[in-house]
Structure formats: C-alpha cells, structure tokens
C-alpha cells in the first residue's frame, strides 16, 4: 500500500522561486513603451475602420479602452519613478 505524504515536493519551491521573476517580466511587458505604441496603432486602425464602415463599435471601444488603460498605467508608473528630467 502506498503512503501519502503531506510534505511539499522538491519541485514546488522551484515554481515559487519562478513566480517572482515571471511576475516582474509580466509587469515590465505590460508597462513597456513598445506595447503602448503597438496598442495605439491597433486602436487607431480600429477607430479608422469604425469611422469608415460603422461596423464593430464594441471591438473598437474595447481596443481603445485597453490602450487607454495601458497608457494610463505606463504614465502613472513613469510619474511615480520621478518622470522625465527637463
């Protein structure tokens, strides 16, 4: 008969050690300027498509809102770091 152990396996701490670097990389990606530019271009295309055809207003609104939220997060973190030196 097999015994069940309640002690954590050796692989579990490795996953926990990996969580912080992955979260850091995800935060860097979500607050990157390249993502902001890419979302801005996609939002512009969606707005122009909506203006030309009148189709897909929800898609246009969701894409534009995603870009606005990402841009606000990017700028808020930039201001918290001290902003640009003038």
C-alpha atoms as a PDB file:
ATOM      1  CA  UNK A   1       0.000   0.000   0.000  1.00  0.00           C
ATOM      2  CA  UNK A   2       1.345   3.432  -0.895  1.00  0.00           C
ATOM      3  CA  UNK A   3       1.732   6.082   1.742  1.00  0.00           C
ATOM      4  CA  UNK A   4       0.615   9.648   1.168  1.00  0.00           C
ATOM      5  CA  UNK A   5       2.998  12.329   2.292  1.00  0.00           C
ATOM      6  CA  UNK A   6       1.787  15.804   3.214  1.00  0.00           C
ATOM      7  CA  UNK A   7       5.207  17.400   2.840  1.00  0.00           C
ATOM      8  CA  UNK A   8       5.706  19.548  -0.263  1.00  0.00           C
ATOM      9  CA  UNK A   9       7.687  18.108  -3.115  1.00  0.00           C
ATOM     10  CA  UNK A  10      11.058  19.436  -4.119  1.00  0.00           C
ATOM     11  CA  UNK A  11       9.595  20.852  -7.358  1.00  0.00           C
ATOM     12  CA  UNK A  12       7.210  23.190  -5.558  1.00  0.00           C
ATOM     13  CA  UNK A  13       9.839  25.625  -4.232  1.00  0.00           C
ATOM     14  CA  UNK A  14      11.253  25.886  -7.756  1.00  0.00           C
ATOM     15  CA  UNK A  15       7.838  27.002  -9.022  1.00  0.00           C
ATOM     16  CA  UNK A  16       7.566  29.510  -6.204  1.00  0.00           C
ATOM     17  CA  UNK A  17      11.036  30.827  -6.985  1.00  0.00           C
ATOM     18  CA  UNK A  18       9.977  31.227 -10.608  1.00  0.00           C
ATOM     19  CA  UNK A  19       6.823  33.188  -9.781  1.00  0.00           C
ATOM     20  CA  UNK A  20       8.554  36.438  -8.820  1.00  0.00           C
ATOM     21  CA  UNK A  21      10.734  36.728 -11.962  1.00  0.00           C
ATOM     22  CA  UNK A  22       7.740  35.851 -14.157  1.00  0.00           C
ATOM     23  CA  UNK A  23       5.604  38.471 -12.425  1.00  0.00           C
ATOM     24  CA  UNK A  24       8.389  41.023 -12.834  1.00  0.00           C
ATOM     25  CA  UNK A  25       8.708  40.280 -16.563  1.00  0.00           C
ATOM     26  CA  UNK A  26       4.926  40.464 -16.992  1.00  0.00           C
ATOM     27  CA  UNK A  27       4.853  43.840 -15.245  1.00  0.00           C
ATOM     28  CA  UNK A  28       7.716  45.102 -17.422  1.00  0.00           C
ATOM     29  CA  UNK A  29       5.900  43.936 -20.556  1.00  0.00           C
ATOM     30  CA  UNK A  30       2.565  45.483 -19.546  1.00  0.00           C
ATOM     31  CA  UNK A  31       4.229  48.806 -18.797  1.00  0.00           C
ATOM     32  CA  UNK A  32       6.552  48.884 -21.806  1.00  0.00           C
ATOM     33  CA  UNK A  33       6.559  51.688 -24.317  1.00  0.00           C
ATOM     34  CA  UNK A  34       6.604  49.254 -27.248  1.00  0.00           C
ATOM     35  CA  UNK A  35       3.330  47.679 -26.061  1.00  0.00           C
ATOM     36  CA  UNK A  36       1.824  51.159 -25.734  1.00  0.00           C
ATOM     37  CA  UNK A  37       2.823  52.017 -29.296  1.00  0.00           C
ATOM     38  CA  UNK A  38       1.512  48.715 -30.654  1.00  0.00           C
ATOM     39  CA  UNK A  39      -1.820  49.090 -28.836  1.00  0.00           C
ATOM     40  CA  UNK A  40      -2.057  52.692 -30.021  1.00  0.00           C
ATOM     41  CA  UNK A  41      -1.582  51.667 -33.645  1.00  0.00           C
ATOM     42  CA  UNK A  42      -4.143  48.876 -33.323  1.00  0.00           C
ATOM     43  CA  UNK A  43      -6.579  51.290 -31.637  1.00  0.00           C
ATOM     44  CA  UNK A  44      -6.073  53.841 -34.418  1.00  0.00           C
ATOM     45  CA  UNK A  45      -6.772  51.215 -37.073  1.00  0.00           C
ATOM     46  CA  UNK A  46      -9.888  50.085 -35.185  1.00  0.00           C
ATOM     47  CA  UNK A  47     -11.139  53.685 -34.884  1.00  0.00           C
ATOM     48  CA  UNK A  48     -10.498  54.381 -38.572  1.00  0.00           C
ATOM     49  CA  UNK A  49     -12.242  51.130 -39.532  1.00  0.00           C
ATOM     50  CA  UNK A  50     -15.237  52.091 -37.402  1.00  0.00           C
ATOM     51  CA  UNK A  51     -15.345  55.583 -38.892  1.00  0.00           C
ATOM     52  CA  UNK A  52     -15.187  54.269 -42.448  1.00  0.00           C
ATOM     53  CA  UNK A  53     -17.619  51.367 -42.168  1.00  0.00           C
ATOM     54  CA  UNK A  54     -19.594  51.929 -38.983  1.00  0.00           C
ATOM     55  CA  UNK A  55     -19.184  48.254 -38.151  1.00  0.00           C
ATOM     56  CA  UNK A  56     -17.859  46.692 -34.946  1.00  0.00           C
ATOM     57  CA  UNK A  57     -18.315  49.543 -32.451  1.00  0.00           C
ATOM     58  CA  UNK A  58     -17.796  47.221 -29.459  1.00  0.00           C
ATOM     59  CA  UNK A  59     -14.490  45.912 -30.825  1.00  0.00           C
ATOM     60  CA  UNK A  60     -13.306  49.462 -31.436  1.00  0.00           C
ATOM     61  CA  UNK A  61     -14.330  50.549 -27.943  1.00  0.00           C
ATOM     62  CA  UNK A  62     -12.643  47.577 -26.246  1.00  0.00           C
ATOM     63  CA  UNK A  63      -9.377  48.025 -28.129  1.00  0.00           C
ATOM     64  CA  UNK A  64      -9.321  51.759 -27.454  1.00  0.00           C
ATOM     65  CA  UNK A  65     -10.132  51.211 -23.787  1.00  0.00           C
ATOM     66  CA  UNK A  66      -7.351  48.614 -23.460  1.00  0.00           C
ATOM     67  CA  UNK A  67      -4.886  51.083 -24.951  1.00  0.00           C
ATOM     68  CA  UNK A  68      -6.076  53.901 -22.677  1.00  0.00           C
ATOM     69  CA  UNK A  69      -5.773  51.747 -19.547  1.00  0.00           C
ATOM     70  CA  UNK A  70      -2.308  50.521 -20.527  1.00  0.00           C
ATOM     71  CA  UNK A  71      -1.179  54.067 -21.320  1.00  0.00           C
ATOM     72  CA  UNK A  72      -2.522  55.348 -18.000  1.00  0.00           C
ATOM     73  CA  UNK A  73      -0.673  52.566 -16.153  1.00  0.00           C
ATOM     74  CA  UNK A  74       2.537  53.279 -18.066  1.00  0.00           C
ATOM     75  CA  UNK A  75       2.365  57.016 -17.390  1.00  0.00           C
ATOM     76  CA  UNK A  76       1.409  56.563 -13.734  1.00  0.00           C
ATOM     77  CA  UNK A  77       4.415  54.339 -13.109  1.00  0.00           C
ATOM     78  CA  UNK A  78       6.635  56.767 -15.010  1.00  0.00           C
ATOM     79  CA  UNK A  79       5.438  59.649 -12.840  1.00  0.00           C
ATOM     80  CA  UNK A  80       5.933  57.548  -9.688  1.00  0.00           C
ATOM     81  CA  UNK A  81       9.541  56.905 -10.733  1.00  0.00           C
ATOM     82  CA  UNK A  82      10.144  60.639 -10.984  1.00  0.00           C
ATOM     83  CA  UNK A  83       9.171  61.382 -14.572  1.00  0.00           C
ATOM     84  CA  UNK A  84      11.446  62.892 -17.186  1.00  0.00           C
ATOM     85  CA  UNK A  85      14.227  65.268 -16.318  1.00  0.00           C
ATOM     86  CA  UNK A  86      13.701  68.618 -18.023  1.00  0.00           C
END
